[in-house]
C-alpha atoms as a PDB file:
ATOM      1  CA  MET A   1     -98.661-148.219-110.058  1.00  0.00           C
ATOM      2  CA  ASN A   2     -98.092-148.882-106.355  1.00  0.00           C
ATOM      3  CA  GLU A   3    -100.951-149.475-103.956  1.00  0.00           C
ATOM      4  CA  ILE A   4    -101.289-148.767-100.261  1.00  0.00           C
ATOM      5  CA  ASN A   5    -104.017-149.233 -97.684  1.00  0.00           C
ATOM      6  CA  VAL A   6    -105.903-146.240 -96.335  1.00  0.00           C
ATOM      7  CA  THR A   7    -104.291-145.098 -93.085  1.00  0.00           C
ATOM      8  CA  PRO A   8    -105.079-142.311 -90.600  1.00  0.00           C
ATOM      9  CA  ALA A   9    -103.795-138.812 -91.364  1.00  0.00           C
ATOM     10  CA  ALA A  10    -100.166-138.235 -90.528  1.00  0.00           C
ATOM     11  CA  THR A  11     -98.983-136.114 -87.619  1.00  0.00           C
ATOM     12  CA  PHE A  12     -97.170-133.197 -89.212  1.00  0.00           C
ATOM     13  CA  THR A  13     -93.810-131.961 -88.049  1.00  0.00           C
ATOM     14  CA  PRO A  14     -92.563-128.330 -87.891  1.00  0.00           C
ATOM     15  CA  ALA A  15     -91.146-126.488 -90.864  1.00  0.00           C
ATOM     16  CA  THR A  16     -87.795-127.523 -92.326  1.00  0.00           C
ATOM     17  CA  SER A  17     -85.613-126.275 -95.174  1.00  0.00           C
ATOM     18  CA  ASN A  18     -84.986-129.685 -96.775  1.00  0.00           C
ATOM     19  CA  LEU A  19     -86.169-129.690-100.401  1.00  0.00           C
ATOM     20  CA  ASP A  20     -84.315-132.895-101.245  1.00  0.00           C
ATOM     21  CA  TYR A  21     -87.256-135.284-101.516  1.00  0.00           C
ATOM     22  CA  SER A  22     -89.547-136.591-104.220  1.00  0.00           C
ATOM     23  CA  VAL A  23     -93.222-137.539-104.196  1.00  0.00           C
ATOM     24  CA  GLU A  24     -95.034-140.413-105.888  1.00  0.00           C
ATOM     25  CA  THR A  25     -98.715-141.065-106.566  1.00  0.00           C
ATOM     26  CA  VAL A  26    -100.025-144.416-105.371  1.00  0.00           C
ATOM     27  CA  SER A  27    -103.444-146.065-105.425  1.00  0.00           C
ATOM     28  CA  LEU A  28    -105.425-146.077-102.191  1.00  0.00           C
ATOM     29  CA  LEU A  29    -107.156-149.320-101.172  1.00  0.00           C
ATOM     30  CA  THR A  30    -110.123-149.797 -98.894  1.00  0.00           C
ATOM     31  CA  PRO A  31    -109.759-152.036 -95.802  1.00  0.00           C
ATOM     32  CA  GLU A  32    -111.179-154.837 -97.984  1.00  0.00           C
ATOM     33  CA  GLY A  33    -108.301-154.451-100.431  1.00  0.00           C
ATOM     34  CA  GLU A  34    -110.377-152.892-103.221  1.00  0.00           C
ATOM     35  CA  ALA A  35    -109.527-149.772-105.219  1.00  0.00           C
ATOM     36  CA  SER A  36    -111.003-146.711-103.514  1.00  0.00           C
ATOM     37  CA  GLY A  37    -110.980-144.493-106.603  1.00  0.00           C
ATOM     38  CA  TRP A  38    -108.539-142.154-104.907  1.00  0.00           C
ATOM     39  CA  MET A  39    -104.795-141.747-105.078  1.00  0.00           C
ATOM     40  CA  ALA A  40    -102.314-140.698-102.421  1.00  0.00           C
ATOM     41  CA  ASN A  41     -99.317-138.437-102.838  1.00  0.00           C
ATOM     42  CA  ARG A  42     -96.573-139.747-100.583  1.00  0.00           C
ATOM     43  CA  ARG A  43     -92.909-139.096-100.056  1.00  0.00           C
ATOM     44  CA  THR A  44     -90.636-141.757-101.459  1.00  0.00           C
ATOM     45  CA  ASP A  45     -88.229-141.461 -98.522  1.00  0.00           C
ATOM     46  CA  THR A  46     -90.400-141.318 -95.380  1.00  0.00           C
ATOM     47  CA  LYS A  47     -93.553-142.811 -97.000  1.00  0.00           C
ATOM     48  CA  ALA A  48     -95.578-140.031 -95.341  1.00  0.00           C
ATOM     49  CA  VAL A  49     -98.910-139.435 -97.117  1.00  0.00           C
ATOM     50  CA  LEU A  50     -99.093-135.736 -97.954  1.00  0.00           C
ATOM     51  CA  GLY A  51    -102.511-135.589 -99.597  1.00  0.00           C
ATOM     52  CA  VAL A  52    -105.083-137.412-101.691  1.00  0.00           C
ATOM     53  CA  CYS A  53    -106.108-136.765-105.288  1.00  0.00           C
ATOM     54  CA  THR A  54    -107.705-138.270-108.378  1.00  0.00           C
ATOM     55  CA  GLU A  55    -105.870-139.893-111.275  1.00  0.00           C
ATOM     56  CA  ARG A  56    -106.065-136.623-113.219  1.00  0.00           C
ATOM     57  CA  TYR A  57    -103.761-134.864-110.779  1.00  0.00           C
ATOM     58  CA  THR A  58    -100.137-134.628-111.944  1.00  0.00           C
ATOM     59  CA  LEU A  59     -97.292-133.984-109.550  1.00  0.00           C
ATOM     60  CA  VAL A  60     -94.864-131.134-110.055  1.00  0.00           C
ATOM     61  CA  GLN A  61     -91.652-132.170-108.337  1.00  0.00           C
ATOM     62  CA  ASN A  62     -89.795-129.481-106.418  1.00  0.00           C
ATOM     63  CA  SER A  63     -86.514-130.109-108.246  1.00  0.00           C
ATOM     64  CA  SER A  64     -87.906-129.674-111.778  1.00  0.00           C
ATOM     65  CA  LEU A  65     -89.999-126.685-110.732  1.00  0.00           C
ATOM     66  CA  ILE A  66     -87.042-124.876-109.193  1.00  0.00           C
ATOM     67  CA  GLU A  67     -84.867-125.554-112.230  1.00  0.00           C
ATOM     68  CA  THR A  68     -87.521-124.089-114.526  1.00  0.00           C
ATOM     69  CA  VAL A  69     -88.112-121.077-112.294  1.00  0.00           C
ATOM     70  CA  GLU A  70     -84.453-120.187-111.955  1.00  0.00           C
ATOM     71  CA  THR A  71     -84.057-120.404-115.730  1.00  0.00           C
ATOM     72  CA  ALA A  72     -86.835-117.827-115.993  1.00  0.00           C
ATOM     73  CA  PHE A  73     -84.974-115.575-113.549  1.00  0.00           C
ATOM     74  CA  ALA A  74     -81.931-115.716-115.805  1.00  0.00           C
ATOM     75  CA  ASP A  75     -84.060-115.002-118.890  1.00  0.00           C
ATOM     76  CA  ASN A  76     -85.446-111.923-117.115  1.00  0.00           C
ATOM     77  CA  LYS A  77     -81.921-110.825-116.149  1.00  0.00           C
ATOM     78  CA  LEU A  78     -82.892-110.429-112.508  1.00  0.00           C
ATOM     79  CA  GLY A  79     -79.323-110.928-111.353  1.00  0.00           C
ATOM     80  CA  ASP A  80     -78.019-112.775-108.317  1.00  0.00           C
ATOM     81  CA  PHE A  81     -80.386-114.083-105.684  1.00  0.00           C
ATOM     82  CA  THR A  82     -80.412-116.003-102.441  1.00  0.00           C
ATOM     83  CA  ARG A  83     -82.769-118.931-101.954  1.00  0.00           C
ATOM     84  CA  LYS A  84     -84.376-120.162 -98.750  1.00  0.00           C
ATOM     85  CA  ALA A  85     -86.939-122.952 -98.530  1.00  0.00           C
ATOM     86  CA  HIS A  86     -89.726-123.423 -96.010  1.00  0.00           C
ATOM     87  CA  VAL A  87     -91.034-127.003 -96.156  1.00  0.00           C
ATOM     88  CA  VAL A  88     -94.092-127.421 -93.950  1.00  0.00           C
ATOM     89  CA  ARG A  89     -96.501-130.182 -92.965  1.00  0.00           C
ATOM     90  CA  ASP A  90     -93.945-132.935 -93.659  1.00  0.00           C
ATOM     91  CA  GLY A  91     -93.476-131.595 -97.193  1.00  0.00           C
ATOM     92  CA  ALA A  92     -97.141-131.202 -98.160  1.00  0.00           C
ATOM     93  CA  ARG A  93     -96.510-127.521 -98.844  1.00  0.00           C
ATOM     94  CA  VAL A  94     -93.383-125.768-100.013  1.00  0.00           C
ATOM     95  CA  TYR A  95     -92.535-122.071-100.032  1.00  0.00           C
ATOM     96  CA  VAL A  96     -89.240-121.169-101.726  1.00  0.00           C
ATOM     97  CA  GLN A  97     -88.132-117.630-100.944  1.00  0.00           C
ATOM     98  CA  TYR A  98     -85.983-115.800-103.509  1.00  0.00           C
ATOM     99  CA  ASP A  99     -84.401-112.487-102.526  1.00  0.00           C
ATOM    100  CA  PHE A 100     -83.015-110.144-105.192  1.00  0.00           C
ATOM    101  CA  LYS A 101     -81.088-107.444-103.348  1.00  0.00           C
ATOM    102  CA  ASN A 102     -80.036-105.793-106.604  1.00  0.00           C
ATOM    103  CA  GLN A 103     -83.692-105.127-107.467  1.00  0.00           C
ATOM    104  CA  LEU A 104     -84.202-102.102-105.232  1.00  0.00           C
ATOM    105  CA  VAL A 105     -86.631 -99.298-104.604  1.00  0.00           C
ATOM    106  CA  LYS A 106     -86.249 -96.590-101.966  1.00  0.00           C
ATOM    107  CA  LEU A 107     -88.846 -95.050 -99.677  1.00  0.00           C
ATOM    108  CA  PRO A 108     -87.677 -91.412 -99.757  1.00  0.00           C
ATOM    109  CA  LYS A 109     -89.488 -90.266 -96.612  1.00  0.00           C
ATOM    110  CA  VAL A 110     -87.813 -92.805 -94.322  1.00  0.00           C
ATOM    111  CA  GLY A 111     -84.722 -93.695 -96.368  1.00  0.00           C
ATOM    112  CA  ASP A 112     -85.462 -97.407 -96.447  1.00  0.00           C
ATOM    113  CA  ASP A 113     -84.121 -99.626 -99.228  1.00  0.00           C
ATOM    114  CA  LEU A 114     -86.508-102.408-100.194  1.00  0.00           C
ATOM    115  CA  GLY A 115     -85.498-105.441-102.225  1.00  0.00           C
ATOM    116  CA  LEU A 116     -87.612-107.752-104.348  1.00  0.00           C
ATOM    117  CA  ARG A 117     -88.697-111.058-102.830  1.00  0.00           C
ATOM    118  CA  LEU A 118     -90.505-113.714-104.858  1.00  0.00           C
ATOM    119  CA  ILE A 119     -92.026-116.658-103.018  1.00  0.00           C
ATOM    120  CA  LEU A 120     -92.623-119.795-105.068  1.00  0.00           C
ATOM    121  CA  ASN A 121     -95.520-121.928-103.804  1.00  0.00           C
ATOM    122  CA  ASN A 122     -95.982-125.626-104.470  1.00  0.00           C
ATOM    123  CA  SER A 123     -98.086-128.251-102.738  1.00  0.00           C
ATOM    124  CA  PHE A 124     -98.761-131.971-102.751  1.00  0.00           C
ATOM    125  CA  ASP A 125    -102.055-131.784-100.834  1.00  0.00           C
ATOM    126  CA  ARG A 126    -103.974-129.725-103.431  1.00  0.00           C
ATOM    127  CA  SER A 127    -104.000-126.719-101.090  1.00  0.00           C
ATOM    128  CA  CYS A 128    -102.420-124.308-103.580  1.00  0.00           C
ATOM    129  CA  ARG A 129    -101.501-123.992-107.217  1.00  0.00           C
ATOM    130  CA  VAL A 130     -97.993-123.573-108.472  1.00  0.00           C
ATOM    131  CA  SER A 131     -97.684-119.821-108.120  1.00  0.00           C
ATOM    132  CA  PHE A 132     -95.537-116.853-107.187  1.00  0.00           C
ATOM    133  CA  GLU A 133     -96.370-114.526-104.370  1.00  0.00           C
ATOM    134  CA  MET A 134     -94.570-111.231-104.315  1.00  0.00           C
ATOM    135  CA  GLY A 135     -92.981-110.050-101.095  1.00  0.00           C
ATOM    136  CA  ILE A 136     -90.571-107.356-100.013  1.00  0.00           C
ATOM    137  CA  LEU A 137     -87.229-107.614 -98.243  1.00  0.00           C
ATOM    138  CA  ARG A 138     -86.380-104.677 -96.000  1.00  0.00           C
ATOM    139  CA  LEU A 139     -82.608-104.513 -96.271  1.00  0.00           C
ATOM    140  CA  VAL A 140     -81.832-102.697 -93.027  1.00  0.00           C
ATOM    141  CA  CYS A 141     -83.104-105.565 -90.906  1.00  0.00           C
ATOM    142  CA  THR A 142     -83.885-108.417 -93.351  1.00  0.00           C
ATOM    143  CA  ASN A 143     -87.537-108.332 -92.306  1.00  0.00           C
ATOM    144  CA  GLY A 144     -89.856-110.036 -94.757  1.00  0.00           C
ATOM    145  CA  LEU A 145     -92.808-107.834 -95.676  1.00  0.00           C
ATOM    146  CA  LYS A 146     -96.064-108.861 -97.273  1.00  0.00           C
ATOM    147  CA  THR A 147     -97.782-106.983-100.087  1.00  0.00           C
ATOM    148  CA  LEU A 148    -101.428-106.865-101.078  1.00  0.00           C
ATOM    149  CA  GLN A 149    -100.692-107.945-104.642  1.00  0.00           C
ATOM    150  CA  GLU A 150    -102.518-110.998-105.911  1.00  0.00           C
ATOM    151  CA  GLU A 151    -100.569-114.172-106.591  1.00  0.00           C
ATOM    152  CA  PHE A 152     -98.937-114.496-109.984  1.00  0.00           C
ATOM    153  CA  SER A 153    -100.145-117.921-111.106  1.00  0.00           C
ATOM    154  CA  LEU A 154     -97.974-120.160-113.248  1.00  0.00           C
ATOM    155  CA  THR A 155    -100.592-122.796-113.976  1.00  0.00           C
ATOM    156  CA  GLN A 156    -104.263-123.331-113.284  1.00  0.00           C
ATOM    157  CA  LYS A 157    -103.535-126.862-112.106  1.00  0.00           C
ATOM    158  CA  HIS A 158    -100.629-129.205-111.634  1.00  0.00           C
ATOM    159  CA  SER A 159     -99.193-130.388-114.901  1.00  0.00           C
ATOM    160  CA  ASP A 160     -96.118-132.337-115.875  1.00  0.00           C
ATOM    161  CA  LYS A 161     -95.148-129.573-118.315  1.00  0.00           C
ATOM    162  CA  LEU A 162     -94.743-125.956-117.261  1.00  0.00           C
ATOM    163  CA  ASP A 163     -94.954-123.337-119.981  1.00  0.00           C
ATOM    164  CA  VAL A 164     -91.545-121.665-119.695  1.00  0.00           C
ATOM    165  CA  SER A 165     -92.499-118.773-121.975  1.00  0.00           C
ATOM    166  CA  ARG A 166     -95.515-118.108-119.770  1.00  0.00           C
ATOM    167  CA  LEU A 167     -93.294-118.287-116.700  1.00  0.00           C
ATOM    168  CA  VAL A 168     -90.998-115.573-118.087  1.00  0.00           C
ATOM    169  CA  ASP A 169     -94.033-113.285-118.487  1.00  0.00           C
ATOM    170  CA  VAL A 170     -95.200-114.063-114.957  1.00  0.00           C
ATOM    171  CA  VAL A 171     -91.824-113.144-113.472  1.00  0.00           C
ATOM    172  CA  ALA A 172     -91.739-109.907-115.479  1.00  0.00           C
ATOM    173  CA  GLY A 173     -95.214-109.037-114.178  1.00  0.00           C
ATOM    174  CA  ALA A 174     -94.128-109.685-110.614  1.00  0.00           C
ATOM    175  CA  VAL A 175     -91.199-107.288-110.980  1.00  0.00           C
ATOM    176  CA  GLU A 176     -93.538-104.528-112.181  1.00  0.00           C
ATOM    177  CA  GLY A 177     -95.903-105.301-109.320  1.00  0.00           C
ATOM    178  CA  PHE A 178     -93.002-104.914-106.913  1.00  0.00           C
ATOM    179  CA  LYS A 179     -92.466-101.319-108.003  1.00  0.00           C
ATOM    180  CA  ASP A 180     -96.156-100.494-107.574  1.00  0.00           C
ATOM    181  CA  SER A 181     -96.532-102.192-104.203  1.00  0.00           C
ATOM    182  CA  THR A 182     -94.083 -99.886-102.462  1.00  0.00           C
ATOM    183  CA  LYS A 183     -96.530 -96.991-102.855  1.00  0.00           C
ATOM    184  CA  LEU A 184     -98.533 -98.616-100.062  1.00  0.00           C
ATOM    185  CA  PHE A 185     -95.535 -98.513 -97.723  1.00  0.00           C
ATOM    186  CA  SER A 186     -94.901 -94.855 -98.535  1.00  0.00           C
ATOM    187  CA  ARG A 187     -98.491 -94.117 -97.552  1.00  0.00           C
ATOM    188  CA  LEU A 188     -98.008 -95.918 -94.224  1.00  0.00           C
ATOM    189  CA  ALA A 189     -94.893 -93.817 -93.578  1.00  0.00           C
ATOM    190  CA  ASP A 190     -96.899 -90.663 -94.260  1.00  0.00           C
ATOM    191  CA  ARG A 191     -99.432 -91.515 -91.512  1.00  0.00           C
ATOM    192  CA  PRO A 192     -98.051 -90.461 -88.105  1.00  0.00           C
ATOM    193  CA  VAL A 193     -99.242 -92.091 -84.896  1.00  0.00           C
ATOM    194  CA  LYS A 194     -98.575 -91.284 -81.286  1.00  0.00           C
ATOM    195  CA  HIS A 195     -96.559 -93.777 -79.282  1.00  0.00           C
ATOM    196  CA  GLU A 196     -99.591 -94.783 -77.180  1.00  0.00           C
ATOM    197  CA  GLN A 197    -101.702 -95.148 -80.328  1.00  0.00           C
ATOM    198  CA  GLY A 198     -99.265 -97.828 -81.447  1.00  0.00           C
ATOM    199  CA  TYR A 199    -100.093 -99.826 -78.332  1.00  0.00           C
ATOM    200  CA  ALA A 200    -103.811 -99.354 -79.015  1.00  0.00           C
ATOM    201  CA  ILE A 201    -103.416-100.576 -82.593  1.00  0.00           C
ATOM    202  CA  LEU A 202    -101.606-103.710 -81.410  1.00  0.00           C
ATOM    203  CA  ASP A 203    -104.299-104.361 -78.791  1.00  0.00           C
ATOM    204  CA  ASN A 204    -106.992-104.023 -81.455  1.00  0.00           C
ATOM    205  CA  LEU A 205    -105.093-106.407 -83.746  1.00  0.00           C
ATOM    206  CA  THR A 206    -105.062-108.870 -80.860  1.00  0.00           C
ATOM    207  CA  LYS A 207    -108.790-108.356 -80.318  1.00  0.00           C
ATOM    208  CA  ALA A 208    -109.309-109.090 -84.030  1.00  0.00           C
ATOM    209  CA  LYS A 209    -107.199-112.267 -83.650  1.00  0.00           C
ATOM    210  CA  VAL A 210    -104.523-111.055 -86.063  1.00  0.00           C
ATOM    211  CA  ILE A 211    -101.825-111.294 -83.375  1.00  0.00           C
ATOM    212  CA  ALA A 212    -102.192-113.776 -80.532  1.00  0.00           C
ATOM    213  CA  ASP A 213    -102.376-112.398 -77.018  1.00  0.00           C
ATOM    214  CA  ARG A 214     -99.268-114.383 -76.045  1.00  0.00           C
ATOM    215  CA  ASN A 215     -97.266-112.581 -78.745  1.00  0.00           C
ATOM    216  CA  VAL A 216     -98.458-108.990 -78.665  1.00  0.00           C
ATOM    217  CA  ASP A 217     -96.272-108.015 -75.702  1.00  0.00           C
ATOM    218  CA  LYS A 218     -93.198-109.120 -77.683  1.00  0.00           C
ATOM    219  CA  VAL A 219     -94.183-106.760 -80.496  1.00  0.00           C
ATOM    220  CA  LYS A 220     -94.787-103.960 -78.000  1.00  0.00           C
ATOM    221  CA  ILE A 221     -91.220-104.361 -76.719  1.00  0.00           C
ATOM    222  CA  ILE A 222     -89.911-103.762 -80.252  1.00  0.00           C
ATOM    223  CA  TRP A 223     -92.281-100.812 -80.786  1.00  0.00           C
ATOM    224  CA  ASN A 224     -91.212 -99.284 -77.473  1.00  0.00           C
ATOM    225  CA  ASP A 225     -87.486 -99.604 -78.197  1.00  0.00           C
ATOM    226  CA  PRO A 226     -86.813 -99.799 -81.968  1.00  0.00           C
ATOM    227  CA  SER A 227     -83.735-101.722 -83.049  1.00  0.00           C
ATOM    228  CA  HIS A 228     -83.058 -99.435 -86.041  1.00  0.00           C
ATOM    229  CA  ARG A 229     -82.879 -95.656 -86.298  1.00  0.00           C
ATOM    230  CA  GLU A 230     -85.193 -95.793 -89.337  1.00  0.00           C
ATOM    231  CA  ASP A 231     -87.955 -96.941 -86.969  1.00  0.00           C
ATOM    232  CA  LYS A 232     -87.579 -94.154 -84.396  1.00  0.00           C
ATOM    233  CA  SER A 233     -90.302 -92.143 -86.152  1.00  0.00           C
ATOM    234  CA  ARG A 234     -93.790 -92.962 -84.961  1.00  0.00           C
ATOM    235  CA  ASN A 235     -95.968 -93.859 -87.933  1.00  0.00           C
ATOM    236  CA  LEU A 236     -97.830 -96.830 -89.392  1.00  0.00           C
ATOM    237  CA  TRP A 237     -94.734 -97.907 -91.336  1.00  0.00           C
ATOM    238  CA  SER A 238     -92.544 -98.207 -88.234  1.00  0.00           C
ATOM    239  CA  LEU A 239     -95.362-100.026 -86.432  1.00  0.00           C
ATOM    240  CA  TYR A 240     -95.650-102.523 -89.285  1.00  0.00           C
ATOM    241  CA  ASN A 241     -91.898-103.047 -89.093  1.00  0.00           C
ATOM    242  CA  ALA A 242     -92.175-103.821 -85.371  1.00  0.00           C
ATOM    243  CA  VAL A 243     -94.611-106.597 -86.278  1.00  0.00           C
ATOM    244  CA  THR A 244     -92.505-107.970 -89.140  1.00  0.00           C
ATOM    245  CA  GLN A 245     -89.337-107.854 -87.047  1.00  0.00           C
ATOM    246  CA  PHE A 246     -91.078-110.103 -84.527  1.00  0.00           C
ATOM    247  CA  THR A 247     -92.522-112.483 -87.129  1.00  0.00           C
ATOM    248  CA  SER A 248     -89.378-112.674 -89.292  1.00  0.00           C
ATOM    249  CA  HIS A 249     -87.017-113.505 -86.459  1.00  0.00           C
ATOM    250  CA  GLN A 250     -89.167-115.165 -83.787  1.00  0.00           C
ATOM    251  CA  VAL A 251     -92.077-116.859 -85.601  1.00  0.00           C
ATOM    252  CA  GLU A 252     -90.992-117.656 -89.164  1.00  0.00           C
ATOM    253  CA  PRO A 253     -88.138-120.076 -88.341  1.00  0.00           C
ATOM    254  CA  THR A 254     -90.600-122.622 -86.906  1.00  0.00           C
ATOM    255  CA  SER A 255     -94.047-121.444 -88.069  1.00  0.00           C
ATOM    256  CA  TYR A 256     -93.685-119.957 -91.541  1.00  0.00           C
ATOM    257  CA  GLU A 257     -97.375-119.944 -92.447  1.00  0.00           C
ATOM    258  CA  LEU A 258     -98.361-118.327 -89.136  1.00  0.00           C
ATOM    259  CA  ALA A 259     -95.817-115.556 -89.695  1.00  0.00           C
ATOM    260  CA  GLN A 260     -97.279-114.844 -93.142  1.00  0.00           C
ATOM    261  CA  ARG A 261    -100.838-114.719 -91.769  1.00  0.00           C
ATOM    262  CA  ILE A 262     -99.817-112.222 -89.082  1.00  0.00           C
ATOM    263  CA  ASN A 263     -97.947-110.050 -91.592  1.00  0.00           C
ATOM    264  CA  ARG A 264    -100.802-109.974 -94.070  1.00  0.00           C
ATOM    265  CA  GLY A 265    -103.534-109.429 -91.470  1.00  0.00           C
ATOM    266  CA  THR A 266    -101.573-106.533 -89.987  1.00  0.00           C
ATOM    267  CA  LEU A 267    -100.935-104.961 -93.388  1.00  0.00           C
ATOM    268  CA  VAL A 268    -104.605-105.186 -94.386  1.00  0.00           C
ATOM    269  CA  ALA A 269    -105.641-103.407 -91.185  1.00  0.00           C
ATOM    270  CA  LEU A 270    -102.952-100.710 -91.423  1.00  0.00           C
ATOM    271  CA  ASN A 271    -103.669-100.100 -95.100  1.00  0.00           C
ATOM    272  CA  LYS A 272    -107.349 -99.502 -94.358  1.00  0.00           C
ATOM    273  CA  ALA A 273    -106.401 -97.160 -91.511  1.00  0.00           C
ATOM    274  CA  SER A 274    -104.147 -95.170 -93.850  1.00  0.00           C
ATOM    275  CA  LEU A 275    -106.966 -94.732 -96.364  1.00  0.00           C
ATOM    276  CA  VAL A 276    -110.092 -94.216 -94.232  1.00  0.00           C
ATOM    277  CA  GLU A 277    -110.151 -91.847 -91.266  1.00  0.00           C
ATOM    278  CA  ALA A 278    -112.926 -93.783 -89.530  1.00  0.00           C
ATOM    279  CA  ASP A 279    -110.836 -96.963 -89.699  1.00  0.00           C
ATOM    280  CA  PHE A 280    -107.822 -95.101 -88.311  1.00  0.00           C
ATOM    281  CA  LYS A 281    -109.857 -93.748 -85.400  1.00  0.00           C
ATOM    282  CA  LYS A 282    -111.293 -97.184 -84.651  1.00  0.00           C
ATOM    283  CA  LEU A 283    -107.903 -98.887 -84.803  1.00  0.00           C
ATOM    284  CA  THR A 284    -106.260 -96.309 -82.519  1.00  0.00           C
ATOM    285  CA  THR A 285    -109.020 -96.324 -79.898  1.00  0.00           C
ATOM    286  CA  ALA A 286    -107.810 -97.968 -76.706  1.00  0.00           C
ATOM    287  CA  VAL A 287    -109.358-101.360 -75.981  1.00  0.00           C
ATOM    288  CA  ALA A 288    -111.516-101.207 -72.848  1.00  0.00           C
ATOM    289  CA  ASN A 289    -110.408-103.461 -70.011  1.00  0.00           C
ATOM    290  CA  ASN A 290    -113.063-105.922 -68.901  1.00  0.00           C
END
């Protein structure tokens, strides 16, 4: 097994889409040249250290994981898909986005077609398990929407052998979850808001640090002048789409994880407002100017 000296943490670069790299586990040495008891996961090409671990940690390489996952898609007869990778923190974390446009549900009230999105998570810094997160693709504008479904875990920890039969069950469960999750969006569409209330909601999301102050005006521009006729109606659904249009096209290309945090934080707040009148009143109350 290779050995390297302990070095300061790397400076991480912005997100990329390059999955074509492998990771090795090497022994970490103290400045005196002795074994530290810890291992480092580092890229074999750039030698960047992505995270530290113990000897019990087993890497799951992106290439073998993707091959196994896409076999499970075929076994579940999910049909054609498109794949897009978001590689962040020099490759320490990987999010592989699969869109299945033939797996559709419709929101009758607003006429939107929603497609299934599955996001495969992998990491080399021990920050997440190998897992699926379910998302939604809004076909009219290709916005990526979050859901409030829990992750569909493939393994409890990294292992050199993934249980393919278990993976098939996980994918099937995610598809069923997709159908259930759209009920939330229908409820948002059923909750009308006044145009000015939309501004108040965005200001309150900024106050709650869901959307940064430097970004909220960009969302307000979209809310004020919707790009799609489906968003002309004033309701919580069209407001959420104003947020996801901003994050999908202006934030996600360079800051994938930030875009996901904004989307989820917004959805949590809007979901509560759609369920509890007191939360709706609070969220639509104009923020006082200091």
